[in-house]
Amino acid sequence: MPLQRRILILVSAVVVLAAIGALAVVRASSRAEEKNRVQAGGPPITRGEVSLAPGAGDRRIVFRNMAWGPHRDELATAAAGAPEGPRTASGVSCLRFHAAAGTGVCLQTDKGGVQDGYKAVVLDARLNEVATRPLAGIPTRARVSPGGHLVAWTVFVGGDSYAGTNFSTRTSLLDLRTGTYDASLEDFTIHKDGKTYRNADVNFWGVTFAADERTFYATLATGGQTHLVRGDLAARTVTTVRENLECPSLSPDGTRLVFKKRVPGLPPDAPWRLYVLDLATMAEAPLAEERSVDDQVVWTDDKTVVYSLPGDFGADLYSLPADGGGAPARLMTSALAPAFLG
């Protein structure tokens, strides 16, 4: 075979192999892009900008994405009017999250030390860190005040479930206006039954803030009982209001609290039902959810609350009328810790 023809065959072979290689790279890139877009257990998700700014476009939900895939545990957003529609992932991972008025709080794993721990990160509207505090235990609850000036979080420092009796919590408050940090609500003065109260077994959890950016409600546990307390941030006091209330959540109009309540006769590991308390009359009524809810609900407006229940990929979100009527409806699959913004 002439040398010129051999060279031509060799060059042709190299060109073909190069084309095959290029095609393989294109296909691999396409598969990677598809993998980045599709997640198991939820709608399609892509990386993009997530904002906590009020009034930034249509009403939206920002939440912890629980679907398996490259964006699991990241803060993501979806349209409030189409909660099961496409999601946008932020790249910021949180175990617990809440936001209001352009401020967010993200409780997350801290991988900066010799041994992994946890930290609370305060976020601005663009998800930039503005403050960080180490956490003494496992994150469980987080709240931002309606005006975005106050942040609270609760961690387990002993035990890992509210359902049992062998647990200890620590609840912290941070005032972003002054930088005042209260590492534990246990340092506040407790007024119980008209008297100043002290006990080594005191635990607090589940803070919810009023619109005046001073008043808050929370759960106090002591002596084997739980109590609703009303707190005064300026006076650094909490006052017991009612027994057997946990994880209260104040309605936007400030007139009602939805909470979980232990109901006698239910299983020890699933003891709660959701109730609503009218703060003017102190009358309470059950909501139309017959399953045990171990969550602090979020109000979407003055009529509806949203909460999590176990799902195939960790948790799903359900909505429910706050007047005791209607029926629960699944709002989002593979989602946790929502904040309704816009």
Protein backbone atom coordinates (compact mmCIF):
# COMPACT_ATOMS: atom_id res chain seq x y z
CA MET A 1 0.00 0.00 0.00
CA PRO A 2 1.47 3.38 -0.97
CA LEU A 3 2.74 5.54 1.90
CA GLN A 4 0.43 8.42 0.91
CA ARG A 5 -2.65 6.17 1.18
CA ARG A 6 -1.53 4.84 4.59
CA ILE A 7 -1.15 8.38 5.90
CA LEU A 8 -4.62 9.26 4.59
CA ILE A 9 -6.16 6.23 6.36
CA LEU A 10 -4.35 7.12 9.58
CA VAL A 11 -5.52 10.73 9.45
CA SER A 12 -9.11 9.62 8.76
CA ALA A 13 -9.00 7.25 11.73
CA VAL A 14 -7.73 10.01 14.02
CA VAL A 15 -10.52 12.33 12.84
CA VAL A 16 -13.18 9.67 13.49
CA LEU A 17 -11.82 8.89 16.95
CA ALA A 18 -11.72 12.60 17.78
CA ALA A 19 -15.33 12.99 16.67
CA ILE A 20 -16.41 10.02 18.80
CA GLY A 21 -14.57 11.51 21.78
CA ALA A 22 -16.18 14.90 21.30
CA LEU A 23 -19.62 13.30 21.04
CA ALA A 24 -19.01 11.38 24.27
CA VAL A 25 -18.03 14.61 26.04
CA VAL A 26 -21.16 16.36 24.78
CA ARG A 27 -23.36 13.48 25.90
CA ALA A 28 -21.68 13.33 29.31
CA SER A 29 -22.16 17.06 29.73
CA SER A 30 -25.80 16.72 28.75
CA ARG A 31 -26.29 13.90 31.26
CA ALA A 32 -24.62 15.98 33.98
CA GLU A 33 -26.87 18.93 33.18
CA GLU A 34 -29.92 16.68 33.28
CA LYS A 35 -28.80 15.22 36.60
CA ASN A 36 -28.43 18.74 37.95
CA ARG A 37 -31.97 19.56 36.85
CA VAL A 38 -33.87 16.44 37.89
CA GLN A 39 -34.21 15.23 41.48
CA ALA A 40 -35.81 12.15 42.94
CA GLY A 41 -38.97 12.91 44.88
CA GLY A 42 -39.72 16.41 43.65
CA PRO A 43 -40.22 18.69 40.64
CA PRO A 44 -37.32 19.71 38.38
CA ILE A 45 -34.81 21.95 40.11
CA THR A 46 -32.08 24.23 38.76
CA ARG A 47 -29.45 26.41 40.40
CA GLY A 48 -30.29 30.10 40.42
CA GLU A 49 -30.88 33.21 42.49
CA VAL A 50 -33.04 32.91 45.60
CA SER A 51 -34.12 36.15 47.28
CA LEU A 52 -35.64 36.81 50.71
CA ALA A 53 -36.52 40.39 49.79
CA PRO A 54 -40.13 41.40 50.44
CA GLY A 55 -42.07 42.32 47.33
CA ALA A 56 -39.52 40.72 44.99
CA GLY A 57 -41.95 39.59 42.31
CA ASP A 58 -44.86 37.20 42.86
CA ARG A 59 -45.55 35.56 46.21
CA ARG A 60 -43.20 32.64 46.75
CA ILE A 61 -42.13 29.95 49.19
CA VAL A 62 -38.53 29.56 50.33
CA PHE A 63 -37.87 26.20 51.99
CA ARG A 64 -35.38 23.40 52.62
CA ASN A 65 -35.41 21.11 49.59
CA MET A 66 -35.60 17.48 50.78
CA ALA A 67 -35.61 15.68 47.41
CA TRP A 68 -32.62 13.45 46.66
CA GLY A 69 -30.19 14.95 44.19
CA PRO A 70 -27.38 17.50 43.99
CA HIS A 71 -29.51 20.16 45.73
CA ARG A 72 -30.81 18.18 48.71
CA ASP A 73 -30.91 20.28 51.93
CA GLU A 74 -30.39 23.54 50.01
CA LEU A 75 -32.70 26.51 50.37
CA ALA A 76 -34.93 26.53 47.34
CA THR A 77 -37.84 28.60 46.12
CA ALA A 78 -41.06 27.89 44.26
CA ALA A 79 -44.07 29.97 43.32
CA ALA A 80 -46.66 30.06 46.11
CA GLY A 81 -49.36 29.72 43.49
CA ALA A 82 -47.71 26.58 42.03
CA PRO A 83 -45.91 24.95 44.98
CA GLU A 84 -45.31 21.69 43.11
CA GLY A 85 -43.86 23.52 40.13
CA PRO A 86 -40.17 23.96 39.20
CA ARG A 87 -37.77 24.84 42.00
CA THR A 88 -34.75 27.11 42.09
CA ALA A 89 -31.92 26.06 44.41
CA SER A 90 -29.68 28.57 46.15
CA GLY A 91 -26.56 26.55 47.02
CA VAL A 92 -27.05 27.43 50.73
CA SER A 93 -27.73 24.37 52.89
CA CYS A 94 -29.86 24.53 56.06
CA LEU A 95 -31.21 22.05 58.57
CA ARG A 96 -33.78 24.53 59.85
CA PHE A 97 -34.83 27.83 58.28
CA HIS A 98 -37.20 30.74 58.58
CA ALA A 99 -37.39 34.21 57.04
CA ALA A 100 -39.38 37.45 57.19
CA ALA A 101 -38.94 41.03 55.98
CA GLY A 102 -35.71 40.32 54.12
CA THR A 103 -34.00 38.51 57.02
CA GLY A 104 -33.39 34.78 57.21
CA VAL A 105 -32.02 32.40 59.82
CA CYS A 106 -30.32 29.20 58.71
CA LEU A 107 -29.33 26.53 61.23
CA GLN A 108 -26.66 24.43 59.59
CA THR A 109 -23.82 21.99 60.08
CA ASP A 110 -20.51 23.65 60.91
CA LYS A 111 -17.64 21.76 59.28
CA GLY A 112 -14.97 24.26 60.25
CA GLY A 113 -13.59 22.51 63.33
CA VAL A 114 -11.93 19.25 64.19
CA GLN A 115 -15.36 17.75 64.81
CA ASP A 116 -18.53 18.80 63.01
CA GLY A 117 -20.87 20.97 65.04
CA TYR A 118 -23.74 23.33 64.28
CA LYS A 119 -24.15 27.08 63.84
CA ALA A 120 -26.86 29.67 63.37
CA VAL A 121 -26.33 31.96 60.39
CA VAL A 122 -28.35 35.14 59.91
CA LEU A 123 -28.85 35.92 56.22
CA ASP A 124 -29.71 39.10 54.38
CA ALA A 125 -32.12 39.25 51.45
CA ARG A 126 -29.43 37.96 49.06
CA LEU A 127 -28.49 35.08 51.39
CA ASN A 128 -25.25 36.75 52.47
CA GLU A 129 -24.14 36.01 56.04
CA VAL A 130 -24.54 38.97 58.40
CA ALA A 131 -24.09 37.19 61.74
CA THR A 132 -23.05 33.74 62.95
CA ARG A 133 -23.37 32.05 66.33
CA PRO A 134 -22.24 28.57 67.38
CA LEU A 135 -24.97 26.19 68.50
CA ALA A 136 -24.78 24.05 71.62
CA GLY A 137 -26.75 21.15 70.15
CA ILE A 138 -28.92 19.75 67.37
CA PRO A 139 -31.07 22.36 65.54
CA THR A 140 -34.82 21.96 65.90
CA ARG A 141 -36.70 25.32 65.69
CA ALA A 142 -36.04 28.73 64.09
CA ARG A 143 -38.01 31.96 63.80
CA VAL A 144 -37.63 35.52 62.50
CA SER A 145 -39.89 38.33 63.75
CA PRO A 146 -42.38 39.90 61.31
CA GLY A 147 -40.22 43.03 60.99
CA GLY A 148 -37.02 41.05 60.46
CA HIS A 149 -35.24 42.54 63.51
CA LEU A 150 -35.35 39.57 65.91
CA VAL A 151 -34.16 36.01 65.42
CA ALA A 152 -34.68 32.96 67.67
CA TRP A 153 -33.62 29.35 67.51
CA THR A 154 -33.87 26.21 69.64
CA VAL A 155 -31.49 23.25 69.84
CA PHE A 156 -31.53 19.93 71.65
CA VAL A 157 -28.63 19.74 74.10
CA GLY A 158 -29.72 16.39 75.54
CA GLY A 159 -32.09 13.85 74.03
CA ASP A 160 -33.38 14.21 70.50
CA SER A 161 -37.17 14.28 70.59
CA TYR A 162 -39.94 16.30 72.22
CA ALA A 163 -42.04 13.14 72.40
CA GLY A 164 -40.03 11.70 75.31
CA THR A 165 -39.29 13.13 78.74
CA ASN A 166 -35.51 12.80 78.78
CA PHE A 167 -34.49 15.86 76.79
CA SER A 168 -33.06 19.32 77.32
CA THR A 169 -33.26 22.35 75.05
CA ARG A 170 -31.64 25.74 74.73
CA THR A 171 -33.39 28.67 73.09
CA SER A 172 -31.47 31.79 72.04
CA LEU A 173 -32.53 35.26 70.91
CA LEU A 174 -30.61 37.78 68.80
CA ASP A 175 -31.68 41.41 68.35
CA LEU A 176 -30.24 42.62 65.05
CA ARG A 177 -31.00 46.25 65.89
CA THR A 178 -28.70 46.36 68.90
CA GLY A 179 -26.63 43.20 68.52
CA THR A 180 -27.91 41.99 71.91
CA TYR A 181 -27.57 38.24 72.16
CA ASP A 182 -29.36 36.17 74.79
CA ALA A 183 -27.74 32.74 74.71
CA SER A 184 -30.56 31.17 76.72
CA LEU A 185 -34.11 32.15 77.59
CA GLU A 186 -33.46 30.48 80.93
CA ASP A 187 -31.72 33.71 81.94
CA PHE A 188 -35.05 35.60 81.73
CA THR A 189 -37.13 36.09 84.89
CA ILE A 190 -40.05 33.65 84.98
CA HIS A 191 -43.42 34.66 86.43
CA LYS A 192 -45.55 31.60 87.12
CA ASP A 193 -48.89 31.68 88.94
CA GLY A 194 -48.23 35.26 89.99
CA LYS A 195 -44.83 34.51 91.57
CA THR A 196 -41.21 34.57 90.47
CA TYR A 197 -40.26 31.01 89.61
CA ARG A 198 -36.93 29.16 89.45
CA ASN A 199 -36.22 25.49 88.82
CA ALA A 200 -33.23 23.61 87.45
CA ASP A 201 -35.45 21.61 85.07
CA VAL A 202 -36.68 24.64 83.10
CA ASN A 203 -36.61 24.31 79.29
CA PHE A 204 -37.85 26.65 76.56
CA TRP A 205 -38.55 26.08 72.87
CA GLY A 206 -40.69 27.22 69.95
CA VAL A 207 -40.51 31.05 69.96
CA THR A 208 -42.98 33.06 67.88
CA PHE A 209 -42.83 36.87 67.66
CA ALA A 210 -45.51 39.57 67.67
CA ALA A 211 -45.50 42.47 65.23
CA ASP A 212 -44.35 44.97 67.89
CA GLU A 213 -40.85 43.38 67.75
CA ARG A 214 -40.87 43.09 71.54
CA THR A 215 -43.52 40.57 72.56
CA PHE A 216 -43.05 36.88 71.94
CA TYR A 217 -44.64 33.57 72.89
CA ALA A 218 -42.87 30.29 73.59
CA THR A 219 -43.14 26.94 75.36
CA LEU A 220 -41.88 26.55 78.92
CA ALA A 221 -41.46 23.05 80.34
CA THR A 222 -40.97 22.42 84.06
CA GLY A 223 -42.18 19.92 86.64
CA GLY A 224 -43.42 17.54 83.96
CA GLN A 225 -45.78 20.14 82.46
CA THR A 226 -45.61 22.44 79.45
CA HIS A 227 -46.86 26.03 79.53
CA LEU A 228 -47.50 28.78 77.04
CA VAL A 229 -45.52 31.84 78.10
CA ARG A 230 -45.72 35.43 76.90
CA GLY A 231 -42.34 37.12 76.82
CA ASP A 232 -41.26 40.74 77.03
CA LEU A 233 -37.89 41.22 75.39
CA ALA A 234 -37.26 44.67 76.88
CA ALA A 235 -38.15 43.61 80.43
CA ARG A 236 -36.46 40.21 79.99
CA THR A 237 -39.43 38.39 81.53
CA VAL A 238 -41.71 35.51 80.59
CA THR A 239 -45.14 34.94 82.14
CA THR A 240 -47.11 31.69 82.06
CA VAL A 241 -50.46 31.93 80.28
CA ARG A 242 -51.83 28.41 79.86
CA GLU A 243 -50.84 24.76 80.31
CA ASN A 244 -50.27 22.02 77.72
CA LEU A 245 -49.19 24.12 74.74
CA GLU A 246 -46.12 23.47 72.61
CA CYS A 247 -44.54 25.21 69.61
CA PRO A 248 -46.98 28.14 69.34
CA SER A 249 -47.23 30.12 66.11
CA LEU A 250 -48.86 33.55 66.14
CA SER A 251 -51.23 34.52 63.33
CA PRO A 252 -50.25 37.53 61.18
CA ASP A 253 -53.07 39.59 62.71
CA GLY A 254 -51.86 38.70 66.22
CA THR A 255 -55.20 37.32 67.41
CA ARG A 256 -54.62 33.54 67.49
CA LEU A 257 -52.01 30.92 68.21
CA VAL A 258 -51.87 27.53 66.54
CA PHE A 259 -49.97 24.99 68.61
CA LYS A 260 -49.49 21.29 69.19
CA LYS A 261 -51.12 19.77 72.26
CA ARG A 262 -50.58 16.43 73.97
CA VAL A 263 -53.82 14.47 73.93
CA PRO A 264 -54.36 11.67 76.49
CA GLY A 265 -54.68 8.20 75.02
CA LEU A 266 -52.46 8.77 72.01
CA PRO A 267 -49.25 6.74 71.51
CA PRO A 268 -46.23 8.03 73.46
CA ASP A 269 -44.23 8.57 70.25
CA ALA A 270 -47.09 10.40 68.49
CA PRO A 271 -48.92 12.31 71.23
CA TRP A 272 -49.86 15.60 69.57
CA ARG A 273 -52.81 17.20 67.80
CA LEU A 274 -53.00 20.72 66.37
CA TYR A 275 -55.19 23.29 68.13
CA VAL A 276 -55.95 26.99 67.73
CA LEU A 277 -56.20 29.40 70.68
CA ASP A 278 -58.14 32.66 70.50
CA LEU A 279 -56.08 35.12 72.57
CA ALA A 280 -59.07 37.38 73.29
CA THR A 281 -61.35 34.69 74.73
CA MET A 282 -58.68 32.05 75.57
CA ALA A 283 -60.96 29.47 73.94
CA GLU A 284 -59.20 26.66 72.11
CA ALA A 285 -60.43 24.32 69.38
CA PRO A 286 -58.89 21.38 67.51
CA LEU A 287 -57.90 21.66 63.87
CA ALA A 288 -58.94 19.09 61.27
CA GLU A 289 -55.68 17.13 61.28
CA GLU A 290 -55.94 13.70 62.92
CA ARG A 291 -52.25 12.81 62.56
CA SER A 292 -49.64 13.69 65.17
CA VAL A 293 -47.73 16.80 64.08
CA ASP A 294 -44.29 17.40 65.59
CA ASP A 295 -43.66 20.79 64.03
CA GLN A 296 -44.10 24.51 64.58
CA VAL A 297 -46.63 25.57 61.98
CA VAL A 298 -46.23 28.52 59.61
CA TRP A 299 -49.12 30.79 58.68
CA THR A 300 -49.52 31.51 54.96
CA ASP A 301 -52.08 34.21 55.79
CA ASP A 302 -54.69 34.77 58.52
CA LYS A 303 -56.70 31.74 57.41
CA THR A 304 -54.26 28.91 56.63
CA VAL A 305 -51.34 27.16 58.30
CA VAL A 306 -48.66 24.88 56.85
CA TYR A 307 -46.72 22.14 58.66
CA SER A 308 -44.56 19.11 57.92
CA LEU A 309 -45.23 15.40 58.22
CA PRO A 310 -42.86 12.51 57.44
CA GLY A 311 -42.59 11.71 53.73
CA ASP A 312 -40.76 9.32 51.41
CA PHE A 313 -37.75 11.65 51.19
CA GLY A 314 -37.83 13.02 54.75
CA ALA A 315 -40.76 15.43 54.92
CA ASP A 316 -43.73 16.77 52.97
CA LEU A 317 -45.68 19.98 53.64
CA TYR A 318 -49.43 20.10 54.28
CA SER A 319 -51.83 23.03 54.45
CA LEU A 320 -54.89 23.29 56.69
CA PRO A 321 -57.55 25.90 57.49
CA ALA A 322 -56.92 27.54 60.86
CA ASP A 323 -60.61 27.77 61.79
CA GLY A 324 -61.07 24.07 62.55
CA GLY A 325 -62.88 23.30 59.31
CA GLY A 326 -61.80 21.82 56.00
CA ALA A 327 -59.28 19.04 55.66
CA PRO A 328 -55.50 18.75 55.36
CA ALA A 329 -54.06 18.85 51.84
CA ARG A 330 -50.53 18.07 50.73
CA LEU A 331 -48.94 21.30 49.57
CA MET A 332 -45.39 20.23 48.62
CA THR A 333 -43.51 16.96 48.44
CA SER A 334 -39.94 16.70 49.75
CA ALA A 335 -39.91 20.06 51.51
CA LEU A 336 -39.37 21.37 55.04
CA ALA A 337 -39.17 24.65 57.01
CA PRO A 338 -41.08 26.97 54.67
CA ALA A 339 -41.28 30.75 54.70
CA PHE A 340 -43.95 32.52 52.63
CA LEU A 341 -42.59 35.74 51.12
CA GLY A 342 -43.68 38.38 48.69
